[in-house]
Amino acid sequence: MNKIDSDIEKLEQKLRESKAKLINLTNQKKEQEKQLTLKKQLIIGEFVLKKMQDDKGYLDSLLNELDGILIKPFERELFNLPSQLENNPDKDTFKNSSKVKTGLVKY
């Protein structure tokens, strides 16, 4: 192996190491952003729950909004909302879910 081949091999190794480091740092950044988003959601959730306890009008308004967007049975149960089939027994739940706002809750 001559000097040029050796230099190329060393640079390719550095490139592989740099790519691996970049991937690692990118993943760390994404994880930090995810943690910050989760903390924000928890803080907002705590605020909303407190406001729901303190303000009946706010509670009623929020439950009315949730009633229009929650379609999963376990989500509706969390807020003691009737199933959508109980609300609209003649309608297919999934065909009539135009009020659902995508991206509201991610799982």
Protein backbone atom coordinates (compact mmCIF):
# COMPACT_ATOMS: atom_id res chain seq x y z
CA MET A 1 0.00 0.00 0.00
CA ASN A 2 1.50 3.32 -0.97
CA LYS A 3 1.23 6.63 0.85
CA ILE A 4 -1.75 7.86 -1.16
CA ASP A 5 -3.73 4.68 -0.44
CA SER A 6 -2.82 4.95 3.23
CA ASP A 7 -3.93 8.59 3.37
CA ILE A 8 -7.19 7.72 1.61
CA GLU A 9 -7.88 4.91 4.09
CA LYS A 10 -7.18 7.20 7.06
CA LEU A 11 -9.50 9.89 5.67
CA GLU A 12 -12.23 7.35 4.95
CA GLN A 13 -11.94 6.11 8.54
CA LYS A 14 -12.20 9.68 9.85
CA LEU A 15 -15.22 10.22 7.60
CA ARG A 16 -16.93 7.09 8.98
CA GLU A 17 -16.18 8.22 12.54
CA SER A 18 -17.47 11.74 11.82
CA LYS A 19 -20.67 10.37 10.28
CA ALA A 20 -21.23 8.14 13.30
CA LYS A 21 -20.62 11.08 15.64
CA LEU A 22 -23.02 13.25 13.61
CA ILE A 23 -25.73 10.60 13.81
CA ASN A 24 -25.17 10.24 17.55
CA LEU A 25 -25.32 14.00 18.18
CA THR A 26 -28.39 14.37 15.95
CA ASN A 27 -30.14 11.63 17.91
CA GLN A 28 -29.18 13.30 21.20
CA LYS A 29 -30.58 16.61 19.98
CA LYS A 30 -33.85 14.96 18.91
CA GLU A 31 -34.12 13.29 22.31
CA GLN A 32 -33.55 16.61 24.09
CA GLU A 33 -36.21 18.27 21.93
CA LYS A 34 -38.58 15.41 22.68
CA GLN A 35 -37.94 15.80 26.42
CA LEU A 36 -38.58 19.56 26.25
CA THR A 37 -41.82 18.99 24.34
CA LEU A 38 -42.92 16.45 26.94
CA LYS A 39 -42.14 18.88 29.77
CA LYS A 40 -44.15 21.60 28.03
CA GLN A 41 -47.07 19.23 27.55
CA LEU A 42 -46.98 18.25 31.22
CA ILE A 43 -46.91 21.88 32.36
CA ILE A 44 -49.79 22.80 30.06
CA GLY A 45 -51.68 19.70 31.15
CA GLU A 46 -51.25 20.57 34.82
CA PHE A 47 -52.45 24.11 34.12
CA VAL A 48 -55.51 22.89 32.22
CA LEU A 49 -56.40 20.32 34.90
CA LYS A 50 -56.14 22.98 37.61
CA LYS A 51 -58.27 25.38 35.59
CA MET A 52 -60.82 22.59 34.99
CA GLN A 53 -61.09 22.07 38.74
CA ASP A 54 -61.43 25.76 39.49
CA ASP A 55 -63.70 26.90 36.65
CA LYS A 56 -66.86 24.93 35.80
CA GLY A 57 -67.43 27.00 32.66
CA TYR A 58 -63.94 26.20 31.43
CA LEU A 59 -64.49 22.52 32.21
CA ASP A 60 -67.76 22.45 30.29
CA SER A 61 -66.23 24.28 27.34
CA LEU A 62 -63.20 22.00 27.21
CA LEU A 63 -65.29 18.85 27.49
CA ASN A 64 -67.50 20.11 24.67
CA GLU A 65 -64.42 20.64 22.50
CA LEU A 66 -62.99 17.24 23.42
CA ASP A 67 -66.33 15.61 22.65
CA GLY A 68 -65.97 16.86 19.09
CA ILE A 69 -62.44 15.61 18.47
CA LEU A 70 -61.86 12.46 20.52
CA ILE A 71 -62.78 9.28 18.66
CA LYS A 72 -60.83 6.56 20.45
CA PRO A 73 -62.94 4.89 23.14
CA PHE A 74 -60.18 4.91 25.78
CA GLU A 75 -59.59 8.65 25.22
CA ARG A 76 -63.31 9.38 25.59
CA GLU A 77 -63.42 7.29 28.78
CA LEU A 78 -60.63 9.42 30.30
CA PHE A 79 -63.01 12.39 30.25
CA ASN A 80 -66.19 10.42 31.00
CA LEU A 81 -67.52 11.16 27.53
CA PRO A 82 -70.04 8.76 26.02
CA SER A 83 -68.85 6.66 23.12
CA GLN A 84 -69.51 8.17 19.74
CA LEU A 85 -71.89 5.34 18.98
CA GLU A 86 -73.94 6.39 22.02
CA ASN A 87 -73.97 9.97 20.73
CA ASN A 88 -74.84 8.99 17.16
CA PRO A 89 -76.16 5.43 17.12
CA ASP A 90 -77.26 5.73 13.48
CA LYS A 91 -73.90 6.93 12.20
CA ASP A 92 -70.61 5.19 11.56
CA THR A 93 -68.01 6.69 13.93
CA PHE A 94 -65.14 6.68 11.47
CA LYS A 95 -67.06 7.93 8.45
CA ASN A 96 -68.30 10.92 10.45
CA SER A 97 -65.06 11.96 12.10
CA SER A 98 -64.54 15.13 10.06
CA LYS A 99 -64.17 17.14 13.28
CA VAL A 100 -61.03 15.22 14.18
CA LYS A 101 -58.01 17.49 14.13
CA THR A 102 -54.90 15.56 13.21
CA GLY A 103 -51.83 16.16 15.25
CA LEU A 104 -53.73 17.14 18.39
CA VAL A 105 -52.60 14.12 20.35
CA LYS A 106 -49.75 11.84 19.29
CA TYR A 107 -49.22 8.32 20.50
